[in-house]
Structures are given as C-alpha cells and as structure tokens.
Amino acid sequence: MVIAEAPTRPASAPAAPAEPAATPKVRVLTVNTHKGFTFFNRRFILHELREAVRSVGADVVFLQEVLGTHAHHSARWPGWPEAPHYEFLADEIWPEFAYGRNAVYPHGHHGNAVLSKYPIEHYENLDVSIAGPEKRGLLHCVLRLPNGNGKLHAICVHLGLQERHRRKQLQLLCQLMQREIPADAPVVVAGDFNDWRVRAHTILAREGLREVFQHAHGSSARSFPAPFPLLQLDRIYVRNATVHAPIALPRKPWAHLSDHAPLAAEISL
C-alpha cells in the first residue's frame, strides 16, 4: 500500500525588516528684518525681503524686529501691507506662524516671529526685558515634525545691547530650557544675540547647545553691519542634532535688505 505523503509547505519567508524612519532634515533661516527697511531706514523693502526669504527654501524662519503694526508708516509708505509684516512674509509658503510682541508704542508694536511649514502646537513669548526702554523677548515654539518624528523646540531670540542685560537674558534662556524642554528633545535657538564680545557660547554650552557656524568654521559668522559684516551678532545654536551644517547665502540681495546679514543652516535631527 502506498501512502501518499502530505505535500510539503514552503517555508514562510522571513518578515522584511522594518525600514528605519527617515531622519528629518530641517532648513532654518534667521534674519533681523529691521522693521522692513534698509540700513539707515532709507527705503521700505519688505516686498524684496519676502522674495529673498522665499529663495532660501527654509522650513522654519526666525524673525527679529518684525512689525505687527505701525500707523504712521502705513500712511506714509506706498505698498505697506494691510497684514502684519510676519503674516505678509509667511504668505502661502509658511502656513503656520507665531508672533511675540516685545516693544509697544502709541503708533504700533514689533517683536519676534517664527514662520513654520510644520504645525505649531504651542508657543509662548517670554519677556526678558531688564530695565529701561529696551524691550526684549524669547519666543518659544513647539513644532510637530512630519512622519511621526516627534517635536522640535524653536526659540527665537533678540537680546539687549548692554552686556549685563545679555548675561541675565542668557540665564533666563537657560532656565526656560531647563523648565520647558526635555533633555533629549531637539532644539534650535536662533536670532540676534547682540553678543559682540562672543560670550554666549560658553554659557549656552552648559545646556548642550552648539553654534552651527562656530562648530563648522571655528568662529561664528560675521553678520553686522550687513554691507560690510564685522561683528558676530547673529547665531544658530542646536541641541540633539546629529548633523548641522551652515548654508552660504549670497551677498546680493541680502546686503541691502537689513542692517543684519541673515544666517541659514541645514539640520538633521
């Protein structure tokens, strides 16, 4: 008697290993808008500035000295937008934006802003004004990265002109990070530090922050005055970034669009 053998079943193929999630890359830009005017306030150039900002292709833009409103200028200068300047700059490119009002005066106000291609889950503007007429702030935004890659903390900075004020403001920045940001969360801190003596590196290094240009080239970028940069006032600091590299921006048209040159960087988280 012949007993038929049960047909052999092919061994199941091993499950393909799950592909690791792509490392998110974020391009950032920081620029002091000088309220939409050229150096010495000779010409209103907000429309030109918008085109230049767009050309960088940044995912997140950090703005300082950006106007919310100004009744006198809107009546005087042709082409003054009806929307706040940060909203005009965001236009259709950056669907999310946050504004931190710092300086308020009878005819208007200005402050810091963050424009983002990613959802802004939460933001808060911390008043770090010390004394006198200088009004300064730290705008802290929590961004939700795409594809389930977690959150990015973005802090837009504009510090004071006096060194003793800056020291206190840097301490407040460190306290904000300790209080509000998990130790393993990616962070970008960018803006106008007015730190012409380059003291902020040592203070912020205690919180694990590295300045992108200093790490790549040995010194921060010279950004002021924009036509002939001499002082290293503007910075991009990062924490918990696997790779970060400066992006070279052309001298034209930026040299005449503000009193500060912009900075840009590519960051892998």
C-alpha atoms as a PDB file:
ATOM      1  CA  MET A   1       0.000   0.000   0.000  1.00  0.00           C
ATOM      2  CA  VAL A   2       1.313   3.303  -0.967  1.00  0.00           C
ATOM      3  CA  ILE A   3       0.719   6.094   1.485  1.00  0.00           C
ATOM      4  CA  ALA A   4       0.573   9.454  -0.119  1.00  0.00           C
ATOM      5  CA  GLU A   5       2.798  11.987   1.530  1.00  0.00           C
ATOM      6  CA  ALA A   6       1.335  15.271   2.584  1.00  0.00           C
ATOM      7  CA  PRO A   7       2.527  17.984   0.302  1.00  0.00           C
ATOM      8  CA  THR A   8       5.351  19.932   1.766  1.00  0.00           C
ATOM      9  CA  ARG A   9       4.524  23.521   2.560  1.00  0.00           C
ATOM     10  CA  PRO A  10       7.086  26.071   1.541  1.00  0.00           C
ATOM     11  CA  ALA A  11       8.803  27.689   4.452  1.00  0.00           C
ATOM     12  CA  SER A  12       7.385  31.102   5.090  1.00  0.00           C
ATOM     13  CA  ALA A  13       9.738  33.858   4.063  1.00  0.00           C
ATOM     14  CA  PRO A  14      11.173  35.833   6.965  1.00  0.00           C
ATOM     15  CA  ALA A  15       9.463  39.129   7.530  1.00  0.00           C
ATOM     16  CA  ALA A  16      11.264  42.008   5.914  1.00  0.00           C
ATOM     17  CA  PRO A  17      12.911  44.235   8.480  1.00  0.00           C
ATOM     18  CA  ALA A  18      11.071  47.443   9.064  1.00  0.00           C
ATOM     19  CA  GLU A  19      12.680  50.338   7.319  1.00  0.00           C
ATOM     20  CA  PRO A  20      14.015  52.922   9.740  1.00  0.00           C
ATOM     21  CA  ALA A  21      12.194  56.220   9.686  1.00  0.00           C
ATOM     22  CA  ALA A  22      13.978  58.787   7.589  1.00  0.00           C
ATOM     23  CA  THR A  23      15.996  61.235   9.615  1.00  0.00           C
ATOM     24  CA  PRO A  24      14.150  64.543   9.440  1.00  0.00           C
ATOM     25  CA  LYS A  25      16.127  67.363   7.878  1.00  0.00           C
ATOM     26  CA  VAL A  26      15.159  70.899   8.732  1.00  0.00           C
ATOM     27  CA  ARG A  27      16.413  74.000   6.950  1.00  0.00           C
ATOM     28  CA  VAL A  28      16.337  77.106   9.128  1.00  0.00           C
ATOM     29  CA  LEU A  29      16.846  80.796   8.430  1.00  0.00           C
ATOM     30  CA  THR A  30      17.246  83.675  10.859  1.00  0.00           C
ATOM     31  CA  VAL A  31      17.081  87.345   9.893  1.00  0.00           C
ATOM     32  CA  ASN A  32      16.601  90.631  11.701  1.00  0.00           C
ATOM     33  CA  THR A  33      14.078  92.346   9.402  1.00  0.00           C
ATOM     34  CA  HIS A  34      14.901  95.877  10.640  1.00  0.00           C
ATOM     35  CA  LYS A  35      11.136  96.555  10.509  1.00  0.00           C
ATOM     36  CA  GLY A  36      11.153  96.185   6.714  1.00  0.00           C
ATOM     37  CA  PHE A  37      13.635  98.966   5.960  1.00  0.00           C
ATOM     38  CA  THR A  38      17.138  99.202   4.555  1.00  0.00           C
ATOM     39  CA  PHE A  39      20.154 100.227   6.629  1.00  0.00           C
ATOM     40  CA  PHE A  40      19.594 103.778   7.993  1.00  0.00           C
ATOM     41  CA  ASN A  41      15.846 103.416   7.169  1.00  0.00           C
ATOM     42  CA  ARG A  42      16.262 104.997   3.763  1.00  0.00           C
ATOM     43  CA  ARG A  43      13.879 102.739   1.850  1.00  0.00           C
ATOM     44  CA  PHE A  44      10.962 100.387   2.572  1.00  0.00           C
ATOM     45  CA  ILE A  45      11.946  96.996   1.108  1.00  0.00           C
ATOM     46  CA  LEU A  46       9.607  94.447   2.721  1.00  0.00           C
ATOM     47  CA  HIS A  47       8.474  93.109  -0.683  1.00  0.00           C
ATOM     48  CA  GLU A  48      12.092  92.478  -1.732  1.00  0.00           C
ATOM     49  CA  LEU A  49      12.799  90.899   1.636  1.00  0.00           C
ATOM     50  CA  ARG A  50       9.896  88.494   1.177  1.00  0.00           C
ATOM     51  CA  GLU A  51      11.282  87.269  -2.138  1.00  0.00           C
ATOM     52  CA  ALA A  52      14.754  86.821  -0.636  1.00  0.00           C
ATOM     53  CA  VAL A  53      13.379  84.875   2.339  1.00  0.00           C
ATOM     54  CA  ARG A  54      11.423  82.627  -0.030  1.00  0.00           C
ATOM     55  CA  SER A  55      14.528  81.916  -2.110  1.00  0.00           C
ATOM     56  CA  VAL A  56      16.271  80.144   0.795  1.00  0.00           C
ATOM     57  CA  GLY A  57      13.646  77.384   0.948  1.00  0.00           C
ATOM     58  CA  ALA A  58      13.684  77.271   4.747  1.00  0.00           C
ATOM     59  CA  ASP A  59      11.283  75.082   6.695  1.00  0.00           C
ATOM     60  CA  VAL A  60      11.466  77.329   9.757  1.00  0.00           C
ATOM     61  CA  VAL A  61      12.209  81.069   9.719  1.00  0.00           C
ATOM     62  CA  PHE A  62      13.232  83.078  12.797  1.00  0.00           C
ATOM     63  CA  LEU A  63      12.476  86.808  12.537  1.00  0.00           C
ATOM     64  CA  GLN A  64      13.523  89.654  14.813  1.00  0.00           C
ATOM     65  CA  GLU A  65      12.388  93.284  14.776  1.00  0.00           C
ATOM     66  CA  VAL A  66       9.348  92.338  12.728  1.00  0.00           C
ATOM     67  CA  LEU A  67       6.440  94.782  12.794  1.00  0.00           C
ATOM     68  CA  GLY A  68       2.971  93.879  13.910  1.00  0.00           C
ATOM     69  CA  THR A  69       1.569  97.298  13.055  1.00  0.00           C
ATOM     70  CA  HIS A  70       2.689 100.898  12.618  1.00  0.00           C
ATOM     71  CA  ALA A  71       0.041 103.552  11.977  1.00  0.00           C
ATOM     72  CA  HIS A  72       2.479 106.272  10.852  1.00  0.00           C
ATOM     73  CA  HIS A  73       4.453 104.117   8.406  1.00  0.00           C
ATOM     74  CA  SER A  74       1.331 102.565   6.867  1.00  0.00           C
ATOM     75  CA  ALA A  75       0.079 106.028   5.942  1.00  0.00           C
ATOM     76  CA  ARG A  76       3.440 107.219   4.615  1.00  0.00           C
ATOM     77  CA  TRP A  77       4.972 104.365   2.625  1.00  0.00           C
ATOM     78  CA  PRO A  78       3.409 103.063  -0.629  1.00  0.00           C
ATOM     79  CA  GLY A  79       2.964  99.301  -0.724  1.00  0.00           C
ATOM     80  CA  TRP A  80       2.613  98.952   3.034  1.00  0.00           C
ATOM     81  CA  PRO A  81       0.747  95.654   3.565  1.00  0.00           C
ATOM     82  CA  GLU A  82      -2.552  95.542   5.414  1.00  0.00           C
ATOM     83  CA  ALA A  83      -1.479  92.366   7.226  1.00  0.00           C
ATOM     84  CA  PRO A  84       1.177  92.330   9.953  1.00  0.00           C
ATOM     85  CA  HIS A  85       4.664  92.004   8.479  1.00  0.00           C
ATOM     86  CA  TYR A  86       5.196  88.462   9.789  1.00  0.00           C
ATOM     87  CA  GLU A  87       1.949  87.357   8.139  1.00  0.00           C
ATOM     88  CA  PHE A  88       2.883  89.129   4.903  1.00  0.00           C
ATOM     89  CA  LEU A  89       6.261  87.364   4.885  1.00  0.00           C
ATOM     90  CA  ALA A  90       4.675  83.977   5.636  1.00  0.00           C
ATOM     91  CA  ASP A  91       2.129  84.396   2.820  1.00  0.00           C
ATOM     92  CA  GLU A  92       1.300  80.968   1.306  1.00  0.00           C
ATOM     93  CA  ILE A  93       4.737  79.428   1.930  1.00  0.00           C
ATOM     94  CA  TRP A  94       4.631  79.046   5.718  1.00  0.00           C
ATOM     95  CA  PRO A  95       1.087  78.145   6.809  1.00  0.00           C
ATOM     96  CA  GLU A  96       1.947  78.399  10.497  1.00  0.00           C
ATOM     97  CA  PHE A  97       3.351  81.430  12.298  1.00  0.00           C
ATOM     98  CA  ALA A  98       3.691  82.770  15.814  1.00  0.00           C
ATOM     99  CA  TYR A  99       4.370  86.329  16.930  1.00  0.00           C
ATOM    100  CA  GLY A 100       5.755  87.579  20.229  1.00  0.00           C
ATOM    101  CA  ARG A 101       5.064  91.264  20.803  1.00  0.00           C
ATOM    102  CA  ASN A 102       8.021  92.869  22.588  1.00  0.00           C
ATOM    103  CA  ALA A 103       8.048  96.642  22.045  1.00  0.00           C
ATOM    104  CA  VAL A 104       4.732  98.517  22.195  1.00  0.00           C
ATOM    105  CA  TYR A 105       4.406 102.237  21.437  1.00  0.00           C
ATOM    106  CA  PRO A 106       1.485 104.598  20.719  1.00  0.00           C
ATOM    107  CA  HIS A 107       1.529 104.014  16.954  1.00  0.00           C
ATOM    108  CA  GLY A 108       2.368 100.286  16.825  1.00  0.00           C
ATOM    109  CA  HIS A 109       4.452  97.372  18.050  1.00  0.00           C
ATOM    110  CA  HIS A 110       7.176  94.952  16.941  1.00  0.00           C
ATOM    111  CA  GLY A 111       8.787  91.761  18.196  1.00  0.00           C
ATOM    112  CA  ASN A 112       9.946  88.278  17.206  1.00  0.00           C
ATOM    113  CA  ALA A 113       8.197  85.789  14.937  1.00  0.00           C
ATOM    114  CA  VAL A 114       8.595  82.201  13.797  1.00  0.00           C
ATOM    115  CA  LEU A 115       7.288  81.021  10.417  1.00  0.00           C
ATOM    116  CA  SER A 116       6.906  77.258  10.022  1.00  0.00           C
ATOM    117  CA  LYS A 117       5.952  74.673   7.422  1.00  0.00           C
ATOM    118  CA  TYR A 118       5.222  72.343  10.355  1.00  0.00           C
ATOM    119  CA  PRO A 119       2.289  72.644  12.748  1.00  0.00           C
ATOM    120  CA  ILE A 120       2.969  74.878  15.736  1.00  0.00           C
ATOM    121  CA  GLU A 121       1.431  73.001  18.645  1.00  0.00           C
ATOM    122  CA  HIS A 122       2.171  75.638  21.260  1.00  0.00           C
ATOM    123  CA  TYR A 123       4.035  78.905  21.626  1.00  0.00           C
ATOM    124  CA  GLU A 124       4.865  81.349  24.393  1.00  0.00           C
ATOM    125  CA  ASN A 125       6.651  84.682  24.409  1.00  0.00           C
ATOM    126  CA  LEU A 126       8.851  85.241  27.451  1.00  0.00           C
ATOM    127  CA  ASP A 127       9.505  88.878  28.324  1.00  0.00           C
ATOM    128  CA  VAL A 128      13.208  89.167  29.180  1.00  0.00           C
ATOM    129  CA  SER A 129      13.378  92.975  29.307  1.00  0.00           C
ATOM    130  CA  ILE A 130      15.700  94.028  32.117  1.00  0.00           C
ATOM    131  CA  ALA A 131      15.424  97.799  32.572  1.00  0.00           C
ATOM    132  CA  GLY A 132      14.990 100.994  30.611  1.00  0.00           C
ATOM    133  CA  PRO A 133      13.454 101.381  27.155  1.00  0.00           C
ATOM    134  CA  GLU A 134      14.844  98.155  25.632  1.00  0.00           C
ATOM    135  CA  LYS A 135      12.088  95.544  25.296  1.00  0.00           C
ATOM    136  CA  ARG A 136      13.315  92.044  24.521  1.00  0.00           C
ATOM    137  CA  GLY A 137      11.745  88.611  24.291  1.00  0.00           C
ATOM    138  CA  LEU A 138      12.283  84.895  23.762  1.00  0.00           C
ATOM    139  CA  LEU A 139       9.633  83.321  21.531  1.00  0.00           C
ATOM    140  CA  HIS A 140       9.440  79.578  22.273  1.00  0.00           C
ATOM    141  CA  CYS A 141       7.529  77.430  19.757  1.00  0.00           C
ATOM    142  CA  VAL A 142       6.891  73.672  19.826  1.00  0.00           C
ATOM    143  CA  LEU A 143       6.705  72.298  16.267  1.00  0.00           C
ATOM    144  CA  ARG A 144       5.319  68.902  15.283  1.00  0.00           C
ATOM    145  CA  LEU A 145       7.647  67.259  12.778  1.00  0.00           C
ATOM    146  CA  PRO A 146       6.221  65.181   9.899  1.00  0.00           C
ATOM    147  CA  ASN A 147       6.031  61.363   9.695  1.00  0.00           C
ATOM    148  CA  GLY A 148       5.851  60.853  13.434  1.00  0.00           C
ATOM    149  CA  ASN A 149       9.342  62.216  14.049  1.00  0.00           C
ATOM    150  CA  GLY A 150       8.394  63.960  17.255  1.00  0.00           C
ATOM    151  CA  LYS A 151       8.684  67.602  18.168  1.00  0.00           C
ATOM    152  CA  LEU A 152      11.180  70.374  17.575  1.00  0.00           C
ATOM    153  CA  HIS A 153      11.601  73.242  20.026  1.00  0.00           C
ATOM    154  CA  ALA A 154      12.365  76.528  18.255  1.00  0.00           C
ATOM    155  CA  ILE A 155      13.364  79.602  20.267  1.00  0.00           C
ATOM    156  CA  CYS A 156      13.636  82.974  18.518  1.00  0.00           C
ATOM    157  CA  VAL A 157      15.980  85.318  20.374  1.00  0.00           C
ATOM    158  CA  HIS A 158      16.612  89.062  20.443  1.00  0.00           C
ATOM    159  CA  LEU A 159      18.878  90.120  23.295  1.00  0.00           C
ATOM    160  CA  GLY A 160      19.798  93.528  24.686  1.00  0.00           C
ATOM    161  CA  LEU A 161      22.536  95.944  23.742  1.00  0.00           C
ATOM    162  CA  GLN A 162      24.106  96.070  27.218  1.00  0.00           C
ATOM    163  CA  GLU A 163      26.293  93.146  28.252  1.00  0.00           C
ATOM    164  CA  ARG A 164      24.926  92.952  31.793  1.00  0.00           C
ATOM    165  CA  HIS A 165      21.429  92.693  30.343  1.00  0.00           C
ATOM    166  CA  ARG A 166      22.512  89.969  27.947  1.00  0.00           C
ATOM    167  CA  ARG A 167      24.035  87.908  30.752  1.00  0.00           C
ATOM    168  CA  LYS A 168      20.748  87.942  32.638  1.00  0.00           C
ATOM    169  CA  GLN A 169      18.792  87.207  29.453  1.00  0.00           C
ATOM    170  CA  LEU A 170      21.017  84.239  28.640  1.00  0.00           C
ATOM    171  CA  GLN A 171      20.410  82.937  32.155  1.00  0.00           C
ATOM    172  CA  LEU A 172      16.655  83.256  31.535  1.00  0.00           C
ATOM    173  CA  LEU A 173      17.081  81.342  28.284  1.00  0.00           C
ATOM    174  CA  CYS A 174      18.884  78.540  30.116  1.00  0.00           C
ATOM    175  CA  GLN A 175      16.161  78.453  32.757  1.00  0.00           C
ATOM    176  CA  LEU A 176      13.486  78.252  30.056  1.00  0.00           C
ATOM    177  CA  MET A 177      15.236  75.238  28.541  1.00  0.00           C
ATOM    178  CA  GLN A 178      15.608  73.509  31.898  1.00  0.00           C
ATOM    179  CA  ARG A 179      11.983  74.164  32.785  1.00  0.00           C
ATOM    180  CA  GLU A 180      10.165  73.620  29.485  1.00  0.00           C
ATOM    181  CA  ILE A 181      12.248  71.341  27.228  1.00  0.00           C
ATOM    182  CA  PRO A 182      13.023  67.634  27.779  1.00  0.00           C
ATOM    183  CA  ALA A 183      16.753  66.872  27.833  1.00  0.00           C
ATOM    184  CA  ASP A 184      16.506  64.586  24.781  1.00  0.00           C
ATOM    185  CA  ALA A 185      14.351  66.903  22.636  1.00  0.00           C
ATOM    186  CA  PRO A 186      15.854  68.575  19.553  1.00  0.00           C
ATOM    187  CA  VAL A 187      16.242  72.332  19.935  1.00  0.00           C
ATOM    188  CA  VAL A 188      17.126  75.236  17.632  1.00  0.00           C
ATOM    189  CA  VAL A 189      17.849  78.616  19.197  1.00  0.00           C
ATOM    190  CA  ALA A 190      18.373  81.366  16.642  1.00  0.00           C
ATOM    191  CA  GLY A 191      18.292  85.108  16.312  1.00  0.00           C
ATOM    192  CA  ASP A 192      20.037  88.367  17.092  1.00  0.00           C
ATOM    193  CA  PHE A 193      22.154  87.932  20.231  1.00  0.00           C
ATOM    194  CA  ASN A 194      23.910  91.327  20.050  1.00  0.00           C
ATOM    195  CA  ASP A 195      26.811  89.390  21.551  1.00  0.00           C
ATOM    196  CA  TRP A 196      29.677  91.316  20.000  1.00  0.00           C
ATOM    197  CA  ARG A 197      32.134  90.013  22.638  1.00  0.00           C
ATOM    198  CA  VAL A 198      31.131  86.385  21.882  1.00  0.00           C
ATOM    199  CA  ARG A 199      30.308  85.405  25.466  1.00  0.00           C
ATOM    200  CA  ALA A 200      27.155  83.374  24.767  1.00  0.00           C
ATOM    201  CA  HIS A 201      28.970  80.234  23.509  1.00  0.00           C
ATOM    202  CA  THR A 202      30.321  79.341  26.951  1.00  0.00           C
ATOM    203  CA  ILE A 203      27.039  79.991  28.744  1.00  0.00           C
ATOM    204  CA  LEU A 204      24.862  78.062  26.297  1.00  0.00           C
ATOM    205  CA  ALA A 205      27.304  75.160  26.057  1.00  0.00           C
ATOM    206  CA  ARG A 206      26.268  74.283  29.627  1.00  0.00           C
ATOM    207  CA  GLU A 207      22.827  73.469  28.204  1.00  0.00           C
ATOM    208  CA  GLY A 208      24.331  71.352  25.427  1.00  0.00           C
ATOM    209  CA  LEU A 209      23.890  73.985  22.711  1.00  0.00           C
ATOM    210  CA  ARG A 210      26.417  74.274  19.879  1.00  0.00           C
ATOM    211  CA  GLU A 211      26.597  77.166  17.459  1.00  0.00           C
ATOM    212  CA  VAL A 212      26.440  75.875  13.881  1.00  0.00           C
ATOM    213  CA  PHE A 213      28.956  78.256  12.274  1.00  0.00           C
ATOM    214  CA  GLN A 214      31.373  78.120  15.190  1.00  0.00           C
ATOM    215  CA  HIS A 215      31.303  74.304  15.141  1.00  0.00           C
ATOM    216  CA  ALA A 216      31.887  74.185  11.374  1.00  0.00           C
ATOM    217  CA  HIS A 217      34.384  77.025  10.915  1.00  0.00           C
ATOM    218  CA  GLY A 218      35.842  77.742  14.347  1.00  0.00           C
ATOM    219  CA  SER A 219      34.007  81.038  14.792  1.00  0.00           C
ATOM    220  CA  SER A 220      30.525  82.445  14.447  1.00  0.00           C
ATOM    221  CA  ALA A 221      29.550  84.187  11.229  1.00  0.00           C
ATOM    222  CA  ARG A 222      30.068  87.919  10.922  1.00  0.00           C
ATOM    223  CA  SER A 223      26.655  89.415  10.297  1.00  0.00           C
ATOM    224  CA  PHE A 224      26.703  93.121  11.202  1.00  0.00           C
ATOM    225  CA  PRO A 225      26.597  95.574   9.548  1.00  0.00           C
ATOM    226  CA  ALA A 226      25.197  93.714   6.558  1.00  0.00           C
ATOM    227  CA  PRO A 227      27.017  95.666   3.810  1.00  0.00           C
ATOM    228  CA  PHE A 228      30.435  95.035   5.441  1.00  0.00           C
ATOM    229  CA  PRO A 229      29.975  92.488   8.255  1.00  0.00           C
ATOM    230  CA  LEU A 230      32.425  92.835  11.143  1.00  0.00           C
ATOM    231  CA  LEU A 231      30.562  91.683  14.276  1.00  0.00           C
ATOM    232  CA  GLN A 232      29.271  88.195  15.098  1.00  0.00           C
ATOM    233  CA  LEU A 233      25.835  89.198  16.360  1.00  0.00           C
ATOM    234  CA  ASP A 234      23.510  86.612  14.823  1.00  0.00           C
ATOM    235  CA  ARG A 235      23.619  82.912  15.702  1.00  0.00           C
ATOM    236  CA  ILE A 236      22.056  79.484  15.186  1.00  0.00           C
ATOM    237  CA  TYR A 237      22.511  77.111  18.140  1.00  0.00           C
ATOM    238  CA  VAL A 238      21.367  73.474  18.132  1.00  0.00           C
ATOM    239  CA  ARG A 239      20.998  70.629  20.602  1.00  0.00           C
ATOM    240  CA  ASN A 240      20.325  66.941  19.901  1.00  0.00           C
ATOM    241  CA  ALA A 241      21.049  67.360  16.197  1.00  0.00           C
ATOM    242  CA  THR A 242      23.006  64.550  14.535  1.00  0.00           C
ATOM    243  CA  VAL A 243      24.288  66.759  11.721  1.00  0.00           C
ATOM    244  CA  HIS A 244      24.246  70.504  11.294  1.00  0.00           C
ATOM    245  CA  ALA A 245      25.863  72.498   8.540  1.00  0.00           C
ATOM    246  CA  PRO A 246      25.854  76.199   7.629  1.00  0.00           C
ATOM    247  CA  ILE A 247      24.389  77.281   4.302  1.00  0.00           C
ATOM    248  CA  ALA A 248      26.217  80.014   2.421  1.00  0.00           C
ATOM    249  CA  LEU A 249      23.896  82.809   1.320  1.00  0.00           C
ATOM    250  CA  PRO A 250      24.802  85.213  -1.488  1.00  0.00           C
ATOM    251  CA  ARG A 251      25.812  88.761  -0.673  1.00  0.00           C
ATOM    252  CA  LYS A 252      23.196  90.077  -3.094  1.00  0.00           C
ATOM    253  CA  PRO A 253      20.438  90.924  -2.480  1.00  0.00           C
ATOM    254  CA  TRP A 254      20.842  90.466   1.272  1.00  0.00           C
ATOM    255  CA  ALA A 255      23.437  93.202   1.837  1.00  0.00           C
ATOM    256  CA  HIS A 256      20.853  95.958   1.375  1.00  0.00           C
ATOM    257  CA  LEU A 257      17.752  94.279   2.841  1.00  0.00           C
ATOM    258  CA  SER A 258      18.526  94.891   6.521  1.00  0.00           C
ATOM    259  CA  ASP A 259      21.265  96.103   8.822  1.00  0.00           C
ATOM    260  CA  HIS A 260      21.933  92.422   9.724  1.00  0.00           C
ATOM    261  CA  ALA A 261      23.002  89.684   7.309  1.00  0.00           C
ATOM    262  CA  PRO A 262      20.854  86.528   7.538  1.00  0.00           C
ATOM    263  CA  LEU A 263      22.120  83.076   8.539  1.00  0.00           C
ATOM    264  CA  ALA A 264      20.883  79.684   7.350  1.00  0.00           C
ATOM    265  CA  ALA A 265      21.669  76.074   8.204  1.00  0.00           C
ATOM    266  CA  GLU A 266      20.642  72.505   7.372  1.00  0.00           C
ATOM    267  CA  ILE A 267      19.961  70.411  10.459  1.00  0.00           C
ATOM    268  CA  SER A 268      19.403  66.644  10.736  1.00  0.00           C
ATOM    269  CA  LEU A 269      17.586  65.567  13.872  1.00  0.00           C
END
